[in-house]
Amino acid sequence: MDALAKAFADLSDGYREVLSLADWEGMSIAEIAVVLGCSANAVRIRLHRARRRLARALSVDPPRRAARTQVPEGDSA
């Protein structure tokens, strides 16, 4: 499975649906609002969040972790 397919599959059902309607089906915000039974503003917000989460999932930057300093056994710090 490629990175885009995995990132898309990992999104919630609602985010996958709004992305599919907008980007794959080419529907307008108003059309999506009718299909989902919500306001156009709610669609805009959901679509923005979905795109942001998808972009984050595709980011090449690894997650940052705090560096650990290991003290060898027998040594006291």
PDB file of N, CA and C in Angstrom:
ATOM      1  N   MET A   1       0.858  -1.181   0.000  1.00  0.00           N
ATOM      2  CA  MET A   1       0.000   0.000   0.000  1.00  0.00           C
ATOM      3  C   MET A   1       0.903   1.242   0.000  1.00  0.00           C
ATOM      4  N   ASP A   2       0.632   2.188  -0.868  1.00  0.00           N
ATOM      5  CA  ASP A   2       1.468   3.384  -0.905  1.00  0.00           C
ATOM      6  C   ASP A   2       1.102   4.336   0.231  1.00  0.00           C
ATOM      7  N   ALA A   3       1.945   5.341   0.432  1.00  0.00           N
ATOM      8  CA  ALA A   3       1.793   6.250   1.570  1.00  0.00           C
ATOM      9  C   ALA A   3       0.465   6.998   1.544  1.00  0.00           C
ATOM     10  N   LEU A   4       0.045   7.450   0.362  1.00  0.00           N
ATOM     11  CA  LEU A   4      -1.217   8.180   0.274  1.00  0.00           C
ATOM     12  C   LEU A   4      -2.400   7.290   0.628  1.00  0.00           C
ATOM     13  N   ALA A   5      -2.414   6.087   0.104  1.00  0.00           N
ATOM     14  CA  ALA A   5      -3.519   5.167   0.397  1.00  0.00           C
ATOM     15  C   ALA A   5      -3.573   4.850   1.887  1.00  0.00           C
ATOM     16  N   LYS A   6      -2.416   4.647   2.510  1.00  0.00           N
ATOM     17  CA  LYS A   6      -2.378   4.337   3.948  1.00  0.00           C
ATOM     18  C   LYS A   6      -2.853   5.543   4.756  1.00  0.00           C
ATOM     19  N   ALA A   7      -2.346   6.727   4.415  1.00  0.00           N
ATOM     20  CA  ALA A   7      -2.735   7.933   5.149  1.00  0.00           C
ATOM     21  C   ALA A   7      -4.239   8.177   5.013  1.00  0.00           C
ATOM     22  N   PHE A   8      -4.774   7.969   3.812  1.00  0.00           N
ATOM     23  CA  PHE A   8      -6.201   8.148   3.585  1.00  0.00           C
ATOM     24  C   PHE A   8      -7.004   7.129   4.385  1.00  0.00           C
ATOM     25  N   ALA A   9      -6.572   5.883   4.386  1.00  0.00           N
ATOM     26  CA  ALA A   9      -7.280   4.823   5.116  1.00  0.00           C
ATOM     27  C   ALA A   9      -7.269   5.065   6.619  1.00  0.00           C
ATOM     28  N   ASP A  10      -6.241   5.729   7.119  1.00  0.00           N
ATOM     29  CA  ASP A  10      -6.124   5.991   8.556  1.00  0.00           C
ATOM     30  C   ASP A  10      -6.996   7.148   9.031  1.00  0.00           C
ATOM     31  N   LEU A  11      -7.552   7.935   8.100  1.00  0.00           N
ATOM     32  CA  LEU A  11      -8.438   9.030   8.496  1.00  0.00           C
ATOM     33  C   LEU A  11      -9.780   8.482   8.984  1.00  0.00           C
ATOM     34  N   SER A  12     -10.501   9.294   9.734  1.00  0.00           N
ATOM     35  CA  SER A  12     -11.835   8.895  10.187  1.00  0.00           C
ATOM     36  C   SER A  12     -12.778   8.815   8.988  1.00  0.00           C
ATOM     37  N   ASP A  13     -13.881   8.120   9.164  1.00  0.00           N
ATOM     38  CA  ASP A  13     -14.868   7.976   8.089  1.00  0.00           C
ATOM     39  C   ASP A  13     -15.346   9.334   7.573  1.00  0.00           C
ATOM     40  N   GLY A  14     -15.616  10.252   8.475  1.00  0.00           N
ATOM     41  CA  GLY A  14     -16.110  11.566   8.088  1.00  0.00           C
ATOM     42  C   GLY A  14     -15.110  12.343   7.247  1.00  0.00           C
ATOM     43  N   TYR A  15     -13.845  12.282   7.624  1.00  0.00           N
ATOM     44  CA  TYR A  15     -12.810  12.979   6.861  1.00  0.00           C
ATOM     45  C   TYR A  15     -12.608  12.330   5.494  1.00  0.00           C
ATOM     46  N   ARG A  16     -12.629  11.008   5.449  1.00  0.00           N
ATOM     47  CA  ARG A  16     -12.497  10.325   4.152  1.00  0.00           C
ATOM     48  C   ARG A  16     -13.666  10.698   3.236  1.00  0.00           C
ATOM     49  N   GLU A  17     -14.865  10.760   3.802  1.00  0.00           N
ATOM     50  CA  GLU A  17     -16.044  11.074   3.005  1.00  0.00           C
ATOM     51  C   GLU A  17     -15.966  12.478   2.411  1.00  0.00           C
ATOM     52  N   VAL A  18     -15.639  13.470   3.230  1.00  0.00           N
ATOM     53  CA  VAL A  18     -15.606  14.837   2.731  1.00  0.00           C
ATOM     54  C   VAL A  18     -14.473  15.025   1.716  1.00  0.00           C
ATOM     55  N   LEU A  19     -13.338  14.381   1.928  1.00  0.00           N
ATOM     56  CA  LEU A  19     -12.255  14.455   0.947  1.00  0.00           C
ATOM     57  C   LEU A  19     -12.651  13.797  -0.367  1.00  0.00           C
ATOM     58  N   SER A  20     -13.304  12.655  -0.274  1.00  0.00           N
ATOM     59  CA  SER A  20     -13.738  11.944  -1.481  1.00  0.00           C
ATOM     60  C   SER A  20     -14.726  12.776  -2.289  1.00  0.00           C
ATOM     61  N   LEU A  21     -15.682  13.372  -1.610  1.00  0.00           N
ATOM     62  CA  LEU A  21     -16.678  14.172  -2.303  1.00  0.00           C
ATOM     63  C   LEU A  21     -16.061  15.409  -2.960  1.00  0.00           C
ATOM     64  N   ALA A  22     -15.150  16.053  -2.251  1.00  0.00           N
ATOM     65  CA  ALA A  22     -14.557  17.287  -2.772  1.00  0.00           C
ATOM     66  C   ALA A  22     -13.491  17.015  -3.827  1.00  0.00           C
ATOM     67  N   ASP A  23     -12.553  16.173  -3.503  1.00  0.00           N
ATOM     68  CA  ASP A  23     -11.374  16.028  -4.352  1.00  0.00           C
ATOM     69  C   ASP A  23     -11.489  14.944  -5.413  1.00  0.00           C
ATOM     70  N   TRP A  24     -12.235  13.889  -5.144  1.00  0.00           N
ATOM     71  CA  TRP A  24     -12.363  12.828  -6.143  1.00  0.00           C
ATOM     72  C   TRP A  24     -13.620  13.009  -6.992  1.00  0.00           C
ATOM     73  N   GLU A  25     -14.713  13.400  -6.346  1.00  0.00           N
ATOM     74  CA  GLU A  25     -15.964  13.584  -7.078  1.00  0.00           C
ATOM     75  C   GLU A  25     -16.093  14.990  -7.656  1.00  0.00           C
ATOM     76  N   GLY A  26     -15.293  15.924  -7.149  1.00  0.00           N
ATOM     77  CA  GLY A  26     -15.317  17.285  -7.669  1.00  0.00           C
ATOM     78  C   GLY A  26     -16.540  18.085  -7.273  1.00  0.00           C
ATOM     79  N   MET A  27     -17.168  17.709  -6.172  1.00  0.00           N
ATOM     80  CA  MET A  27     -18.371  18.419  -5.731  1.00  0.00           C
ATOM     81  C   MET A  27     -18.000  19.741  -5.078  1.00  0.00           C
ATOM     82  N   SER A  28     -18.916  20.711  -5.186  1.00  0.00           N
ATOM     83  CA  SER A  28     -18.722  22.013  -4.543  1.00  0.00           C
ATOM     84  C   SER A  28     -19.050  21.901  -3.049  1.00  0.00           C
ATOM     85  N   ILE A  29     -18.664  22.935  -2.323  1.00  0.00           N
ATOM     86  CA  ILE A  29     -18.975  22.990  -0.886  1.00  0.00           C
ATOM     87  C   ILE A  29     -20.489  22.901  -0.675  1.00  0.00           C
ATOM     88  N   ALA A  30     -21.241  23.637  -1.474  1.00  0.00           N
ATOM     89  CA  ALA A  30     -22.705  23.636  -1.346  1.00  0.00           C
ATOM     90  C   ALA A  30     -23.289  22.253  -1.623  1.00  0.00           C
ATOM     91  N   GLU A  31     -22.782  21.579  -2.642  1.00  0.00           N
ATOM     92  CA  GLU A  31     -23.267  20.231  -2.960  1.00  0.00           C
ATOM     93  C   GLU A  31     -22.954  19.242  -1.841  1.00  0.00           C
ATOM     94  N   ILE A  32     -21.760  19.353  -1.295  1.00  0.00           N
ATOM     95  CA  ILE A  32     -21.371  18.459  -0.200  1.00  0.00           C
ATOM     96  C   ILE A  32     -22.254  18.708   1.017  1.00  0.00           C
ATOM     97  N   ALA A  33     -22.551  19.981   1.274  1.00  0.00           N
ATOM     98  CA  ALA A  33     -23.412  20.317   2.417  1.00  0.00           C
ATOM     99  C   ALA A  33     -24.778  19.657   2.290  1.00  0.00           C
ATOM    100  N   VAL A  34     -25.330  19.627   1.078  1.00  0.00           N
ATOM    101  CA  VAL A  34     -26.626  18.980   0.855  1.00  0.00           C
ATOM    102  C   VAL A  34     -26.501  17.480   1.101  1.00  0.00           C
ATOM    103  N   VAL A  35     -25.465  16.860   0.545  1.00  0.00           N
ATOM    104  CA  VAL A  35     -25.273  15.411   0.699  1.00  0.00           C
ATOM    105  C   VAL A  35     -25.099  15.034   2.166  1.00  0.00           C
ATOM    106  N   LEU A  36     -24.308  15.834   2.899  1.00  0.00           N
ATOM    107  CA  LEU A  36     -24.035  15.510   4.304  1.00  0.00           C
ATOM    108  C   LEU A  36     -25.095  16.036   5.262  1.00  0.00           C
ATOM    109  N   GLY A  37     -25.974  16.893   4.773  1.00  0.00           N
ATOM    110  CA  GLY A  37     -27.027  17.436   5.631  1.00  0.00           C
ATOM    111  C   GLY A  37     -26.502  18.394   6.680  1.00  0.00           C
ATOM    112  N   CYS A  38     -25.531  19.216   6.288  1.00  0.00           N
ATOM    113  CA  CYS A  38     -24.977  20.195   7.226  1.00  0.00           C
ATOM    114  C   CYS A  38     -24.763  21.513   6.494  1.00  0.00           C
ATOM    115  N   SER A  39     -24.285  22.523   7.201  1.00  0.00           N
ATOM    116  CA  SER A  39     -24.068  23.830   6.588  1.00  0.00           C
ATOM    117  C   SER A  39     -22.803  23.836   5.736  1.00  0.00           C
ATOM    118  N   ALA A  40     -22.742  24.777   4.822  1.00  0.00           N
ATOM    119  CA  ALA A  40     -21.548  24.936   3.990  1.00  0.00           C
ATOM    120  C   ALA A  40     -20.336  25.265   4.859  1.00  0.00           C
ATOM    121  N   ASN A  41     -20.557  26.048   5.901  1.00  0.00           N
ATOM    122  CA  ASN A  41     -19.453  26.388   6.806  1.00  0.00           C
ATOM    123  C   ASN A  41     -18.902  25.137   7.491  1.00  0.00           C
ATOM    124  N   ALA A  42     -19.782  24.252   7.908  1.00  0.00           N
ATOM    125  CA  ALA A  42     -19.336  23.001   8.546  1.00  0.00           C
ATOM    126  C   ALA A  42     -18.507  22.164   7.560  1.00  0.00           C
ATOM    127  N   VAL A  43     -18.910  22.161   6.299  1.00  0.00           N
ATOM    128  CA  VAL A  43     -18.160  21.424   5.272  1.00  0.00           C
ATOM    129  C   VAL A  43     -16.777  22.040   5.096  1.00  0.00           C
ATOM    130  N   ARG A  44     -16.711  23.370   5.021  1.00  0.00           N
ATOM    131  CA  ARG A  44     -15.416  24.041   4.867  1.00  0.00           C
ATOM    132  C   ARG A  44     -14.475  23.680   6.007  1.00  0.00           C
ATOM    133  N   ILE A  45     -14.977  23.712   7.218  1.00  0.00           N
ATOM    134  CA  ILE A  45     -14.163  23.394   8.393  1.00  0.00           C
ATOM    135  C   ILE A  45     -13.711  21.936   8.344  1.00  0.00           C
ATOM    136  N   ARG A  46     -14.630  21.030   8.078  1.00  0.00           N
ATOM    137  CA  ARG A  46     -14.310  19.601   8.025  1.00  0.00           C
ATOM    138  C   ARG A  46     -13.302  19.297   6.920  1.00  0.00           C
ATOM    139  N   LEU A  47     -13.474  19.942   5.770  1.00  0.00           N
ATOM    140  CA  LEU A  47     -12.566  19.726   4.649  1.00  0.00           C
ATOM    141  C   LEU A  47     -11.168  20.261   4.975  1.00  0.00           C
ATOM    142  N   HIS A  48     -11.111  21.423   5.590  1.00  0.00           N
ATOM    143  CA  HIS A  48      -9.818  21.992   6.000  1.00  0.00           C
ATOM    144  C   HIS A  48      -9.106  21.053   6.970  1.00  0.00           C
ATOM    145  N   ARG A  49      -9.830  20.571   7.965  1.00  0.00           N
ATOM    146  CA  ARG A  49      -9.232  19.664   8.954  1.00  0.00           C
ATOM    147  C   ARG A  49      -8.791  18.353   8.314  1.00  0.00           C
ATOM    148  N   ALA A  50      -9.605  17.828   7.408  1.00  0.00           N
ATOM    149  CA  ALA A  50      -9.268  16.570   6.742  1.00  0.00           C
ATOM    150  C   ALA A  50      -8.004  16.720   5.914  1.00  0.00           C
ATOM    151  N   ARG A  51      -7.914  17.809   5.163  1.00  0.00           N
ATOM    152  CA  ARG A  51      -6.721  18.043   4.339  1.00  0.00           C
ATOM    153  C   ARG A  51      -5.487  18.241   5.203  1.00  0.00           C
ATOM    154  N   ARG A  52      -5.646  18.940   6.317  1.00  0.00           N
ATOM    155  CA  ARG A  52      -4.516  19.158   7.226  1.00  0.00           C
ATOM    156  C   ARG A  52      -4.038  17.844   7.836  1.00  0.00           C
ATOM    157  N   ARG A  53      -4.960  16.995   8.256  1.00  0.00           N
ATOM    158  CA  ARG A  53      -4.574  15.701   8.829  1.00  0.00           C
ATOM    159  C   ARG A  53      -3.924  14.796   7.796  1.00  0.00           C
ATOM    160  N   LEU A  54      -4.435  14.822   6.581  1.00  0.00           N
ATOM    161  CA  LEU A  54      -3.839  14.024   5.518  1.00  0.00           C
ATOM    162  C   LEU A  54      -2.424  14.519   5.221  1.00  0.00           C
ATOM    163  N   ALA A  55      -2.245  15.824   5.150  1.00  0.00           N
ATOM    164  CA  ALA A  55      -0.917  16.388   4.902  1.00  0.00           C
ATOM    165  C   ALA A  55       0.048  16.027   6.022  1.00  0.00           C
ATOM    166  N   ARG A  56      -0.427  16.092   7.262  1.00  0.00           N
ATOM    167  CA  ARG A  56       0.415  15.716   8.402  1.00  0.00           C
ATOM    168  C   ARG A  56       0.817  14.249   8.336  1.00  0.00           C
ATOM    169  N   ALA A  57      -0.120  13.410   7.947  1.00  0.00           N
ATOM    170  CA  ALA A  57       0.167  11.974   7.856  1.00  0.00           C
ATOM    171  C   ALA A  57       1.176  11.680   6.755  1.00  0.00           C
ATOM    172  N   LEU A  58       1.215  12.518   5.740  1.00  0.00           N
ATOM    173  CA  LEU A  58       2.148  12.327   4.628  1.00  0.00           C
ATOM    174  C   LEU A  58       3.481  13.031   4.848  1.00  0.00           C
ATOM    175  N   SER A  59       3.595  13.760   5.939  1.00  0.00           N
ATOM    176  CA  SER A  59       4.815  14.506   6.227  1.00  0.00           C
ATOM    177  C   SER A  59       6.005  13.561   6.316  1.00  0.00           C
ATOM    178  N   VAL A  60       7.134  13.990   5.777  1.00  0.00           N
ATOM    179  CA  VAL A  60       8.344  13.163   5.800  1.00  0.00           C
ATOM    180  C   VAL A  60       9.154  13.370   7.060  1.00  0.00           C
ATOM    181  N   ASP A  61       8.799  14.377   7.841  1.00  0.00           N
ATOM    182  CA  ASP A  61       9.531  14.615   9.082  1.00  0.00           C
ATOM    183  C   ASP A  61       9.151  13.571  10.121  1.00  0.00           C
ATOM    184  N   PRO A  62      10.140  12.869  10.681  1.00  0.00           N
ATOM    185  CA  PRO A  62       9.816  11.883  11.717  1.00  0.00           C
ATOM    186  C   PRO A  62       9.356  12.592  12.985  1.00  0.00           C
ATOM    187  N   PRO A  63       8.572  11.904  13.813  1.00  0.00           N
ATOM    188  CA  PRO A  63       8.141  12.518  15.068  1.00  0.00           C
ATOM    189  C   PRO A  63       9.341  12.834  15.943  1.00  0.00           C
ATOM    190  N   ARG A  64       9.276  13.933  16.617  1.00  0.00           N
ATOM    191  CA  ARG A  64      10.386  14.315  17.502  1.00  0.00           C
ATOM    192  C   ARG A  64      10.245  13.614  18.833  1.00  0.00           C
ATOM    193  N   ARG A  65      11.364  13.145  19.311  1.00  0.00           N
ATOM    194  CA  ARG A  65      11.394  12.484  20.617  1.00  0.00           C
ATOM    195  C   ARG A  65      12.475  13.139  21.460  1.00  0.00           C
ATOM    196  N   ALA A  66      12.241  13.160  22.742  1.00  0.00           N
ATOM    197  CA  ALA A  66      13.244  13.709  23.639  1.00  0.00           C
ATOM    198  C   ALA A  66      14.449  12.769  23.656  1.00  0.00           C
ATOM    199  N   ALA A  67      15.618  13.355  23.613  1.00  0.00           N
ATOM    200  CA  ALA A  67      16.841  12.545  23.647  1.00  0.00           C
ATOM    201  C   ALA A  67      16.992  11.953  25.041  1.00  0.00           C
ATOM    202  N   ARG A  68      17.415  10.714  25.085  1.00  0.00           N
ATOM    203  CA  ARG A  68      17.630  10.055  26.370  1.00  0.00           C
ATOM    204  C   ARG A  68      19.125   9.880  26.599  1.00  0.00           C
ATOM    205  N   THR A  69      19.527  10.127  27.775  1.00  0.00           N
ATOM    206  CA  THR A  69      20.908   9.880  28.157  1.00  0.00           C
ATOM    207  C   THR A  69      20.928   8.630  29.004  1.00  0.00           C
ATOM    208  N   GLN A  70      21.642   7.633  28.538  1.00  0.00           N
ATOM    209  CA  GLN A  70      21.709   6.398  29.297  1.00  0.00           C
ATOM    210  C   GLN A  70      22.965   6.382  30.143  1.00  0.00           C
ATOM    211  N   VAL A  71      22.795   5.954  31.377  1.00  0.00           N
ATOM    212  CA  VAL A  71      23.919   5.812  32.292  1.00  0.00           C
ATOM    213  C   VAL A  71      24.233   4.339  32.380  1.00  0.00           C
ATOM    214  N   PRO A  72      25.499   3.945  32.071  1.00  0.00           N
ATOM    215  CA  PRO A  72      25.845   2.530  32.162  1.00  0.00           C
ATOM    216  C   PRO A  72      25.577   1.968  33.556  1.00  0.00           C
ATOM    217  N   GLU A  73      25.216   0.690  33.602  1.00  0.00           N
ATOM    218  CA  GLU A  73      24.961   0.063  34.903  1.00  0.00           C
ATOM    219  C   GLU A  73      26.195   0.151  35.777  1.00  0.00           C
ATOM    220  N   GLY A  74      25.984   0.382  37.042  1.00  0.00           N
ATOM    221  CA  GLY A  74      27.085   0.461  37.986  1.00  0.00           C
ATOM    222  C   GLY A  74      27.585   1.881  38.167  1.00  0.00           C
ATOM    223  N   ASP A  75      27.329   2.756  37.220  1.00  0.00           N
ATOM    224  CA  ASP A  75      27.723   4.145  37.362  1.00  0.00           C
ATOM    225  C   ASP A  75      26.573   4.917  37.985  1.00  0.00           C
ATOM    226  N   SER A  76      26.895   5.850  38.809  1.00  0.00           N
ATOM    227  CA  SER A  76      25.825   6.676  39.377  1.00  0.00           C
ATOM    228  C   SER A  76      25.942   8.068  38.787  1.00  0.00           C
ATOM    229  N   ALA A  77      24.822   8.658  38.591  1.00  0.00           N
ATOM    230  CA  ALA A  77      24.831   9.991  37.963  1.00  0.00           C
ATOM    231  C   ALA A  77      24.894  11.081  38.975  1.00  0.00           C
TER     232      ALA A  77
END
